[in-house]
Structure formats: structure tokens, C-alpha cells
Amino acid sequence: DIHAAELHYLQKEHQVQLNRPEFRREGQALNSDTGTL
């Protein structure tokens, strides 16, 4: 599960930009201020 305050998908730049993202998997969690895929 990916939680975020907001998300920007940029098709031409091939990017997903996340504000306050949190990645959750059973027994695990990872978060930060910002993130880019």
C-alpha cells in the first residue's frame, strides 16, 4: 500500500512524484517527506 498527501504523475518525464509518501507491507513501513519514482 502506498499512502501520500499528494501525487503527481508526469507521463513525458516518466516520473511519479509523491508528497509525504508511506509504503506499507505486512509488518513493514517506510516513509519520508518526499519521494520520486
PDB file of all heavy atoms in Angstrom:
ATOM      1  N   ASP A   1       0.853  -1.189   0.000  1.00  0.00           N
ATOM      2  CA  ASP A   1       0.000   0.000   0.000  1.00  0.00           C
ATOM      3  C   ASP A   1       0.888   1.237   0.000  1.00  0.00           C
ATOM      4  O   ASP A   1       1.843   1.325   0.779  1.00  0.00           O
ATOM      5  CB  ASP A   1      -0.919   0.028   1.220  1.00  0.00           C
ATOM      6  CG  ASP A   1      -2.015  -1.016   1.138  1.00  0.00           C
ATOM      7  OD1 ASP A   1      -2.375  -1.399   0.010  1.00  0.00           O
ATOM      8  OD2 ASP A   1      -2.490  -1.461   2.197  1.00  0.00           O
ATOM      9  N   ILE A   2       0.559   2.208  -0.877  1.00  0.00           N
ATOM     10  CA  ILE A   2       1.275   3.476  -0.929  1.00  0.00           C
ATOM     11  C   ILE A   2       0.318   4.576  -0.486  1.00  0.00           C
ATOM     12  O   ILE A   2      -0.745   4.772  -1.094  1.00  0.00           O
ATOM     13  CB  ILE A   2       1.800   3.771  -2.347  1.00  0.00           C
ATOM     14  CG1 ILE A   2       2.701   2.637  -2.831  1.00  0.00           C
ATOM     15  CG2 ILE A   2       2.555   5.100  -2.368  1.00  0.00           C
ATOM     16  CD1 ILE A   2       3.150   2.814  -4.273  1.00  0.00           C
ATOM     17  N   HIS A   3       0.680   5.287   0.560  1.00  0.00           N
ATOM     18  CA  HIS A   3      -0.102   6.424   1.050  1.00  0.00           C
ATOM     19  C   HIS A   3       0.699   7.695   0.776  1.00  0.00           C
ATOM     20  O   HIS A   3       1.932   7.700   0.915  1.00  0.00           O
ATOM     21  CB  HIS A   3      -0.368   6.305   2.544  1.00  0.00           C
ATOM     22  CG  HIS A   3      -1.226   5.132   2.914  1.00  0.00           C
ATOM     23  ND1 HIS A   3      -2.500   5.258   3.433  1.00  0.00           N
ATOM     24  CD2 HIS A   3      -0.985   3.798   2.837  1.00  0.00           C
ATOM     25  CE1 HIS A   3      -3.011   4.058   3.665  1.00  0.00           C
ATOM     26  NE2 HIS A   3      -2.113   3.151   3.314  1.00  0.00           N
ATOM     27  N   ALA A   4       0.006   8.783   0.402  1.00  0.00           N
ATOM     28  CA  ALA A   4       0.701  10.041   0.158  1.00  0.00           C
ATOM     29  C   ALA A   4      -0.259  11.202   0.368  1.00  0.00           C
ATOM     30  O   ALA A   4      -1.483  11.064   0.217  1.00  0.00           O
ATOM     31  CB  ALA A   4       1.264  10.082  -1.261  1.00  0.00           C
ATOM     32  N   ALA A   5       0.318  12.363   0.729  1.00  0.00           N
ATOM     33  CA  ALA A   5      -0.506  13.569   0.866  1.00  0.00           C
ATOM     34  C   ALA A   5      -0.965  14.046  -0.509  1.00  0.00           C
ATOM     35  O   ALA A   5      -2.074  14.576  -0.650  1.00  0.00           O
ATOM     36  CB  ALA A   5       0.279  14.660   1.572  1.00  0.00           C
ATOM     37  N   GLU A   6      -0.103  13.867  -1.528  1.00  0.00           N
ATOM     38  CA  GLU A   6      -0.491  14.159  -2.908  1.00  0.00           C
ATOM     39  C   GLU A   6       0.442  13.428  -3.857  1.00  0.00           C
ATOM     40  O   GLU A   6       1.538  12.997  -3.464  1.00  0.00           O
ATOM     41  CB  GLU A   6      -0.481  15.662  -3.203  1.00  0.00           C
ATOM     42  CG  GLU A   6       0.863  16.317  -3.057  1.00  0.00           C
ATOM     43  CD  GLU A   6       0.830  17.796  -3.452  1.00  0.00           C
ATOM     44  OE1 GLU A   6       0.168  18.129  -4.456  1.00  0.00           O
ATOM     45  OE2 GLU A   6       1.474  18.601  -2.752  1.00  0.00           O
ATOM     46  N   LEU A   7      -0.013  13.309  -5.135  1.00  0.00           N
ATOM     47  CA  LEU A   7       0.762  12.557  -6.132  1.00  0.00           C
ATOM     48  C   LEU A   7       0.697  13.283  -7.460  1.00  0.00           C
ATOM     49  O   LEU A   7      -0.378  13.732  -7.888  1.00  0.00           O
ATOM     50  CB  LEU A   7       0.210  11.137  -6.265  1.00  0.00           C
ATOM     51  CG  LEU A   7       0.858  10.198  -7.277  1.00  0.00           C
ATOM     52  CD1 LEU A   7       0.746   8.752  -6.799  1.00  0.00           C
ATOM     53  CD2 LEU A   7       0.198  10.317  -8.675  1.00  0.00           C
ATOM     54  N   HIS A   8       1.874  13.391  -8.133  1.00  0.00           N
ATOM     55  CA  HIS A   8       1.947  13.944  -9.480  1.00  0.00           C
ATOM     56  C   HIS A   8       2.507  12.871 -10.410  1.00  0.00           C
ATOM     57  O   HIS A   8       3.607  12.354 -10.175  1.00  0.00           O
ATOM     58  CB  HIS A   8       2.867  15.174  -9.523  1.00  0.00           C
ATOM     59  CG  HIS A   8       2.311  16.357  -8.801  1.00  0.00           C
ATOM     60  ND1 HIS A   8       1.544  17.321  -9.409  1.00  0.00           N
ATOM     61  CD2 HIS A   8       2.411  16.743  -7.492  1.00  0.00           C
ATOM     62  CE1 HIS A   8       1.206  18.244  -8.532  1.00  0.00           C
ATOM     63  NE2 HIS A   8       1.722  17.910  -7.355  1.00  0.00           N
ATOM     64  N   TYR A   9       1.721  12.569 -11.475  1.00  0.00           N
ATOM     65  CA  TYR A   9       2.179  11.619 -12.490  1.00  0.00           C
ATOM     66  C   TYR A   9       2.553  12.414 -13.730  1.00  0.00           C
ATOM     67  O   TYR A   9       1.720  13.112 -14.314  1.00  0.00           O
ATOM     68  CB  TYR A   9       1.078  10.602 -12.800  1.00  0.00           C
ATOM     69  CG  TYR A   9       1.366   9.746 -14.018  1.00  0.00           C
ATOM     70  CD1 TYR A   9       2.527   8.978 -14.102  1.00  0.00           C
ATOM     71  CD2 TYR A   9       0.464   9.715 -15.086  1.00  0.00           C
ATOM     72  CE1 TYR A   9       2.788   8.201 -15.225  1.00  0.00           C
ATOM     73  CE2 TYR A   9       0.712   8.938 -16.211  1.00  0.00           C
ATOM     74  CZ  TYR A   9       1.883   8.188 -16.282  1.00  0.00           C
ATOM     75  OH  TYR A   9       2.143   7.430 -17.388  1.00  0.00           O
ATOM     76  N   LEU A  10       3.851  12.314 -14.151  1.00  0.00           N
ATOM     77  CA  LEU A  10       4.354  13.049 -15.299  1.00  0.00           C
ATOM     78  C   LEU A  10       4.698  12.043 -16.385  1.00  0.00           C
ATOM     79  O   LEU A  10       5.744  11.393 -16.335  1.00  0.00           O
ATOM     80  CB  LEU A  10       5.593  13.867 -14.909  1.00  0.00           C
ATOM     81  CG  LEU A  10       5.467  14.725 -13.634  1.00  0.00           C
ATOM     82  CD1 LEU A  10       6.779  15.419 -13.330  1.00  0.00           C
ATOM     83  CD2 LEU A  10       4.331  15.742 -13.781  1.00  0.00           C
ATOM     84  N   GLN A  11       3.798  11.918 -17.369  1.00  0.00           N
ATOM     85  CA  GLN A  11       3.955  10.869 -18.378  1.00  0.00           C
ATOM     86  C   GLN A  11       5.196  11.073 -19.228  1.00  0.00           C
ATOM     87  O   GLN A  11       5.952  10.133 -19.485  1.00  0.00           O
ATOM     88  CB  GLN A  11       2.710  10.815 -19.261  1.00  0.00           C
ATOM     89  CG  GLN A  11       2.744   9.672 -20.270  1.00  0.00           C
ATOM     90  CD  GLN A  11       1.497   9.642 -21.139  1.00  0.00           C
ATOM     91  OE1 GLN A  11       0.865  10.677 -21.370  1.00  0.00           O
ATOM     92  NE2 GLN A  11       1.124   8.469 -21.610  1.00  0.00           N
ATOM     93  N   LYS A  12       5.441  12.296 -19.701  1.00  0.00           N
ATOM     94  CA  LYS A  12       6.581  12.551 -20.565  1.00  0.00           C
ATOM     95  C   LYS A  12       7.903  12.361 -19.845  1.00  0.00           C
ATOM     96  O   LYS A  12       8.881  11.895 -20.434  1.00  0.00           O
ATOM     97  CB  LYS A  12       6.494  13.971 -21.132  1.00  0.00           C
ATOM     98  CG  LYS A  12       5.332  14.185 -22.089  1.00  0.00           C
ATOM     99  CD  LYS A  12       5.309  15.598 -22.633  1.00  0.00           C
ATOM    100  CE  LYS A  12       4.155  15.801 -23.594  1.00  0.00           C
ATOM    101  NZ  LYS A  12       4.122  17.195 -24.124  1.00  0.00           N
ATOM    102  N   GLU A  13       7.939  12.741 -18.590  1.00  0.00           N
ATOM    103  CA  GLU A  13       9.165  12.606 -17.806  1.00  0.00           C
ATOM    104  C   GLU A  13       9.326  11.213 -17.205  1.00  0.00           C
ATOM    105  O   GLU A  13      10.346  10.913 -16.584  1.00  0.00           O
ATOM    106  CB  GLU A  13       9.182  13.636 -16.672  1.00  0.00           C
ATOM    107  CG  GLU A  13       9.364  15.068 -17.117  1.00  0.00           C
ATOM    108  CD  GLU A  13       8.062  15.697 -17.593  1.00  0.00           C
ATOM    109  OE1 GLU A  13       7.029  14.990 -17.579  1.00  0.00           O
ATOM    110  OE2 GLU A  13       8.066  16.879 -17.990  1.00  0.00           O
ATOM    111  N   HIS A  14       8.294  10.368 -17.367  1.00  0.00           N
ATOM    112  CA  HIS A  14       8.313   9.019 -16.794  1.00  0.00           C
ATOM    113  C   HIS A  14       8.580   9.075 -15.279  1.00  0.00           C
ATOM    114  O   HIS A  14       9.443   8.383 -14.756  1.00  0.00           O
ATOM    115  CB  HIS A  14       9.371   8.143 -17.476  1.00  0.00           C
ATOM    116  CG  HIS A  14       9.135   7.930 -18.933  1.00  0.00           C
ATOM    117  ND1 HIS A  14       8.183   7.065 -19.405  1.00  0.00           N
ATOM    118  CD2 HIS A  14       9.721   8.497 -20.019  1.00  0.00           C
ATOM    119  CE1 HIS A  14       8.186   7.082 -20.735  1.00  0.00           C
ATOM    120  NE2 HIS A  14       9.108   7.943 -21.135  1.00  0.00           N
ATOM    121  N   GLN A  15       7.821   9.907 -14.599  1.00  0.00           N
ATOM    122  CA  GLN A  15       8.018  10.077 -13.158  1.00  0.00           C
ATOM    123  C   GLN A  15       6.697  10.068 -12.412  1.00  0.00           C
ATOM    124  O   GLN A  15       5.662  10.480 -12.954  1.00  0.00           O
ATOM    125  CB  GLN A  15       8.734  11.401 -12.854  1.00  0.00           C
ATOM    126  CG  GLN A  15      10.183  11.471 -13.286  1.00  0.00           C
ATOM    127  CD  GLN A  15      10.828  12.775 -12.873  1.00  0.00           C
ATOM    128  OE1 GLN A  15      10.379  13.436 -11.926  1.00  0.00           O
ATOM    129  NE2 GLN A  15      11.898  13.151 -13.566  1.00  0.00           N
ATOM    130  N   VAL A  16       6.754   9.634 -11.176  1.00  0.00           N
ATOM    131  CA  VAL A  16       5.671   9.787 -10.211  1.00  0.00           C
ATOM    132  C   VAL A  16       6.268  10.487  -9.006  1.00  0.00           C
ATOM    133  O   VAL A  16       7.210   9.977  -8.384  1.00  0.00           O
ATOM    134  CB  VAL A  16       5.064   8.434  -9.798  1.00  0.00           C
ATOM    135  CG1 VAL A  16       4.009   8.643  -8.718  1.00  0.00           C
ATOM    136  CG2 VAL A  16       4.462   7.729 -10.994  1.00  0.00           C
ATOM    137  N   GLN A  17       5.751  11.662  -8.675  1.00  0.00           N
ATOM    138  CA  GLN A  17       6.263  12.442  -7.547  1.00  0.00           C
ATOM    139  C   GLN A  17       5.261  12.383  -6.403  1.00  0.00           C
ATOM    140  O   GLN A  17       4.063  12.585  -6.598  1.00  0.00           O
ATOM    141  CB  GLN A  17       6.520  13.886  -7.970  1.00  0.00           C
ATOM    142  CG  GLN A  17       7.581  14.013  -9.063  1.00  0.00           C
ATOM    143  CD  GLN A  17       7.790  15.442  -9.518  1.00  0.00           C
ATOM    144  OE1 GLN A  17       7.037  16.354  -9.150  1.00  0.00           O
ATOM    145  NE2 GLN A  17       8.806  15.656 -10.345  1.00  0.00           N
ATOM    146  N   LEU A  18       5.771  12.114  -5.202  1.00  0.00           N
ATOM    147  CA  LEU A  18       4.924  11.900  -4.033  1.00  0.00           C
ATOM    148  C   LEU A  18       5.288  12.880  -2.928  1.00  0.00           C
ATOM    149  O   LEU A  18       6.462  13.161  -2.695  1.00  0.00           O
ATOM    150  CB  LEU A  18       5.094  10.467  -3.507  1.00  0.00           C
ATOM    151  CG  LEU A  18       4.808   9.335  -4.500  1.00  0.00           C
ATOM    152  CD1 LEU A  18       5.470   8.060  -4.033  1.00  0.00           C
ATOM    153  CD2 LEU A  18       3.310   9.144  -4.651  1.00  0.00           C
ATOM    154  N   ASN A  19       4.263  13.380  -2.261  1.00  0.00           N
ATOM    155  CA  ASN A  19       4.474  14.241  -1.092  1.00  0.00           C
ATOM    156  C   ASN A  19       4.077  13.467   0.156  1.00  0.00           C
ATOM    157  O   ASN A  19       2.991  12.908   0.231  1.00  0.00           O
ATOM    158  CB  ASN A  19       3.638  15.514  -1.225  1.00  0.00           C
ATOM    159  CG  ASN A  19       3.904  16.493  -0.094  1.00  0.00           C
ATOM    160  OD1 ASN A  19       4.961  16.475   0.519  1.00  0.00           O
ATOM    161  ND2 ASN A  19       2.932  17.349   0.183  1.00  0.00           N
ATOM    162  N   ARG A  20       4.971  13.414   1.126  1.00  0.00           N
ATOM    163  CA  ARG A  20       4.814  12.642   2.364  1.00  0.00           C
ATOM    164  C   ARG A  20       4.370  11.201   2.083  1.00  0.00           C
ATOM    165  O   ARG A  20       3.329  10.746   2.583  1.00  0.00           O
ATOM    166  CB  ARG A  20       3.849  13.338   3.323  1.00  0.00           C
ATOM    167  CG  ARG A  20       4.356  14.671   3.824  1.00  0.00           C
ATOM    168  CD  ARG A  20       3.671  15.106   5.096  1.00  0.00           C
ATOM    169  NE  ARG A  20       2.229  15.208   4.966  1.00  0.00           N
ATOM    170  CZ  ARG A  20       1.603  16.292   4.497  1.00  0.00           C
ATOM    171  NH1 ARG A  20       2.296  17.338   4.095  1.00  0.00           N
ATOM    172  NH2 ARG A  20       0.294  16.335   4.437  1.00  0.00           N
ATOM    173  N   PRO A  21       5.152  10.482   1.287  1.00  0.00           N
ATOM    174  CA  PRO A  21       4.771   9.094   0.959  1.00  0.00           C
ATOM    175  C   PRO A  21       5.036   8.140   2.123  1.00  0.00           C
ATOM    176  O   PRO A  21       5.942   8.352   2.933  1.00  0.00           O
ATOM    177  CB  PRO A  21       5.681   8.763  -0.225  1.00  0.00           C
ATOM    178  CG  PRO A  21       6.914   9.579   0.030  1.00  0.00           C
ATOM    179  CD  PRO A  21       6.425  10.868   0.636  1.00  0.00           C
ATOM    180  N   GLU A  22       4.245   7.081   2.158  1.00  0.00           N
ATOM    181  CA  GLU A  22       4.467   5.989   3.109  1.00  0.00           C
ATOM    182  C   GLU A  22       4.148   4.682   2.390  1.00  0.00           C
ATOM    183  O   GLU A  22       3.054   4.514   1.850  1.00  0.00           O
ATOM    184  CB  GLU A  22       3.613   6.128   4.357  1.00  0.00           C
ATOM    185  CG  GLU A  22       3.845   4.999   5.350  1.00  0.00           C
ATOM    186  CD  GLU A  22       3.089   5.184   6.655  1.00  0.00           C
ATOM    187  OE1 GLU A  22       2.351   6.188   6.779  1.00  0.00           O
ATOM    188  OE2 GLU A  22       3.226   4.322   7.546  1.00  0.00           O
ATOM    189  N   PHE A  23       5.121   3.765   2.393  1.00  0.00           N
ATOM    190  CA  PHE A  23       4.949   2.451   1.780  1.00  0.00           C
ATOM    191  C   PHE A  23       4.716   1.436   2.887  1.00  0.00           C
ATOM    192  O   PHE A  23       5.535   1.322   3.804  1.00  0.00           O
ATOM    193  CB  PHE A  23       6.189   2.076   0.957  1.00  0.00           C
ATOM    194  CG  PHE A  23       6.481   3.038  -0.159  1.00  0.00           C
ATOM    195  CD1 PHE A  23       7.168   4.219   0.083  1.00  0.00           C
ATOM    196  CD2 PHE A  23       6.062   2.758  -1.447  1.00  0.00           C
ATOM    197  CE1 PHE A  23       7.442   5.108  -0.945  1.00  0.00           C
ATOM    198  CE2 PHE A  23       6.334   3.646  -2.492  1.00  0.00           C
ATOM    199  CZ  PHE A  23       7.022   4.827  -2.224  1.00  0.00           C
ATOM    200  N   ARG A  24       3.640   0.679   2.787  1.00  0.00           N
ATOM    201  CA  ARG A  24       3.281  -0.263   3.830  1.00  0.00           C
ATOM    202  C   ARG A  24       3.166  -1.671   3.252  1.00  0.00           C
ATOM    203  O   ARG A  24       2.542  -1.877   2.219  1.00  0.00           O
ATOM    204  CB  ARG A  24       1.952   0.109   4.494  1.00  0.00           C
ATOM    205  CG  ARG A  24       1.945   1.474   5.165  1.00  0.00           C
ATOM    206  CD  ARG A  24       0.563   1.784   5.726  1.00  0.00           C
ATOM    207  NE  ARG A  24       0.498   3.124   6.287  1.00  0.00           N
ATOM    208  CZ  ARG A  24      -0.628   3.678   6.758  1.00  0.00           C
ATOM    209  NH1 ARG A  24      -1.774   2.975   6.715  1.00  0.00           N
ATOM    210  NH2 ARG A  24      -0.610   4.900   7.248  1.00  0.00           N
ATOM    211  N   ARG A  25       3.799  -2.605   3.932  1.00  0.00           N
ATOM    212  CA  ARG A  25       3.674  -4.015   3.613  1.00  0.00           C
ATOM    213  C   ARG A  25       3.529  -4.739   4.944  1.00  0.00           C
ATOM    214  O   ARG A  25       3.951  -4.209   5.971  1.00  0.00           O
ATOM    215  CB  ARG A  25       4.915  -4.502   2.838  1.00  0.00           C
ATOM    216  CG  ARG A  25       4.742  -5.865   2.218  1.00  0.00           C
ATOM    217  CD  ARG A  25       5.835  -6.161   1.213  1.00  0.00           C
ATOM    218  NE  ARG A  25       7.138  -6.406   1.830  1.00  0.00           N
ATOM    219  CZ  ARG A  25       8.205  -6.784   1.153  1.00  0.00           C
ATOM    220  NH1 ARG A  25       8.137  -6.930  -0.169  1.00  0.00           N
ATOM    221  NH2 ARG A  25       9.343  -6.983   1.762  1.00  0.00           N
ATOM    222  N   GLU A  26       2.986  -5.910   4.948  1.00  0.00           N
ATOM    223  CA  GLU A  26       2.725  -6.609   6.202  1.00  0.00           C
ATOM    224  C   GLU A  26       3.973  -6.623   7.095  1.00  0.00           C
ATOM    225  O   GLU A  26       5.013  -7.154   6.740  1.00  0.00           O
ATOM    226  CB  GLU A  26       2.292  -8.050   5.934  1.00  0.00           C
ATOM    227  CG  GLU A  26       1.936  -8.810   7.198  1.00  0.00           C
ATOM    228  CD  GLU A  26       1.509 -10.244   6.909  1.00  0.00           C
ATOM    229  OE1 GLU A  26       1.521 -10.631   5.718  1.00  0.00           O
ATOM    230  OE2 GLU A  26       1.179 -10.961   7.864  1.00  0.00           O
ATOM    231  N   GLY A  27       3.856  -5.989   8.252  1.00  0.00           N
ATOM    232  CA  GLY A  27       4.962  -5.949   9.206  1.00  0.00           C
ATOM    233  C   GLY A  27       6.037  -4.943   8.888  1.00  0.00           C
ATOM    234  O   GLY A  27       7.032  -4.852   9.609  1.00  0.00           O
ATOM    235  N   GLN A  28       5.862  -4.138   7.801  1.00  0.00           N
ATOM    236  CA  GLN A  28       6.883  -3.192   7.394  1.00  0.00           C
ATOM    237  C   GLN A  28       6.259  -1.866   6.986  1.00  0.00           C
ATOM    238  O   GLN A  28       5.140  -1.829   6.475  1.00  0.00           O
ATOM    239  CB  GLN A  28       7.710  -3.741   6.229  1.00  0.00           C
ATOM    240  CG  GLN A  28       8.430  -5.045   6.526  1.00  0.00           C
ATOM    241  CD  GLN A  28       9.227  -5.534   5.339  1.00  0.00           C
ATOM    242  OE1 GLN A  28       9.630  -4.748   4.486  1.00  0.00           O
ATOM    243  NE2 GLN A  28       9.449  -6.827   5.263  1.00  0.00           N
ATOM    244  N   ALA A  29       7.002  -0.774   7.210  1.00  0.00           N
ATOM    245  CA  ALA A  29       6.558   0.548   6.779  1.00  0.00           C
ATOM    246  C   ALA A  29       7.783   1.399   6.485  1.00  0.00           C
ATOM    247  O   ALA A  29       8.819   1.266   7.145  1.00  0.00           O
ATOM    248  CB  ALA A  29       5.696   1.210   7.838  1.00  0.00           C
ATOM    249  N   LEU A  30       7.654   2.271   5.457  1.00  0.00           N
ATOM    250  CA  LEU A  30       8.750   3.157   5.074  1.00  0.00           C
ATOM    251  C   LEU A  30       8.143   4.475   4.635  1.00  0.00           C
ATOM    252  O   LEU A  30       7.244   4.514   3.792  1.00  0.00           O
ATOM    253  CB  LEU A  30       9.543   2.529   3.916  1.00  0.00           C
ATOM    254  CG  LEU A  30      10.726   3.326   3.362  1.00  0.00           C
ATOM    255  CD1 LEU A  30      11.813   3.490   4.412  1.00  0.00           C
ATOM    256  CD2 LEU A  30      11.291   2.641   2.120  1.00  0.00           C
ATOM    257  N   ASN A  31       8.626   5.599   5.210  1.00  0.00           N
ATOM    258  CA  ASN A  31       8.059   6.897   4.866  1.00  0.00           C
ATOM    259  C   ASN A  31       9.144   7.957   4.794  1.00  0.00           C
ATOM    260  O   ASN A  31      10.269   7.759   5.256  1.00  0.00           O
ATOM    261  CB  ASN A  31       6.974   7.288   5.877  1.00  0.00           C
ATOM    262  CG  ASN A  31       7.514   7.346   7.299  1.00  0.00           C
ATOM    263  OD1 ASN A  31       8.280   8.228   7.644  1.00  0.00           O
ATOM    264  ND2 ASN A  31       7.112   6.384   8.132  1.00  0.00           N
ATOM    265  N   SER A  32       8.775   9.124   4.203  1.00  0.00           N
ATOM    266  CA  SER A  32       9.718  10.237   4.059  1.00  0.00           C
ATOM    267  C   SER A  32       8.924  11.512   3.781  1.00  0.00           C
ATOM    268  O   SER A  32       7.687  11.489   3.669  1.00  0.00           O
ATOM    269  CB  SER A  32      10.695   9.965   2.924  1.00  0.00           C
ATOM    270  OG  SER A  32      10.013   9.905   1.686  1.00  0.00           O
ATOM    271  N   ASP A  33       9.655  12.639   3.633  1.00  0.00           N
ATOM    272  CA  ASP A  33       8.983  13.905   3.307  1.00  0.00           C
ATOM    273  C   ASP A  33       8.516  13.913   1.860  1.00  0.00           C
ATOM    274  O   ASP A  33       7.393  14.328   1.554  1.00  0.00           O
ATOM    275  CB  ASP A  33       9.932  15.081   3.544  1.00  0.00           C
ATOM    276  CG  ASP A  33      10.231  15.287   5.022  1.00  0.00           C
ATOM    277  OD1 ASP A  33       9.483  14.757   5.856  1.00  0.00           O
ATOM    278  OD2 ASP A  33      11.225  15.971   5.331  1.00  0.00           O
ATOM    279  N   THR A  34       9.384  13.509   0.934  1.00  0.00           N
ATOM    280  CA  THR A  34       9.036  13.464  -0.483  1.00  0.00           C
ATOM    281  C   THR A  34       9.604  12.198  -1.097  1.00  0.00           C
ATOM    282  O   THR A  34      10.494  11.556  -0.526  1.00  0.00           O
ATOM    283  CB  THR A  34       9.589  14.686  -1.252  1.00  0.00           C
ATOM    284  OG1 THR A  34      11.026  14.661  -1.186  1.00  0.00           O
ATOM    285  CG2 THR A  34       9.060  15.983  -0.669  1.00  0.00           C
ATOM    286  N   GLY A  35       9.107  11.856  -2.281  1.00  0.00           N
ATOM    287  CA  GLY A  35       9.609  10.691  -2.989  1.00  0.00           C
ATOM    288  C   GLY A  35       9.349  10.800  -4.478  1.00  0.00           C
ATOM    289  O   GLY A  35       8.402  11.472  -4.911  1.00  0.00           O
ATOM    290  N   THR A  36      10.196  10.157  -5.277  1.00  0.00           N
ATOM    291  CA  THR A  36      10.046  10.153  -6.724  1.00  0.00           C
ATOM    292  C   THR A  36      10.319   8.755  -7.251  1.00  0.00           C
ATOM    293  O   THR A  36      11.319   8.126  -6.866  1.00  0.00           O
ATOM    294  CB  THR A  36      11.009  11.139  -7.403  1.00  0.00           C
ATOM    295  OG1 THR A  36      10.729  12.468  -6.944  1.00  0.00           O
ATOM    296  CG2 THR A  36      10.855  11.098  -8.920  1.00  0.00           C
ATOM    297  N   LEU A  37       9.420   8.272  -8.130  1.00  0.00           N
ATOM    298  CA  LEU A  37       9.605   7.003  -8.817  1.00  0.00           C
ATOM    299  C   LEU A  37       9.872   7.278 -10.289  1.00  0.00           C
ATOM    300  O   LEU A  37       9.168   8.087 -10.918  1.00  0.00           O
ATOM    301  CB  LEU A  37       8.374   6.118  -8.669  1.00  0.00           C
ATOM    302  CG  LEU A  37       8.031   5.644  -7.250  1.00  0.00           C
ATOM    303  CD1 LEU A  37       6.707   4.883  -7.264  1.00  0.00           C
ATOM    304  CD2 LEU A  37       9.138   4.789  -6.682  1.00  0.00           C
TER     305      LEU A  37
END
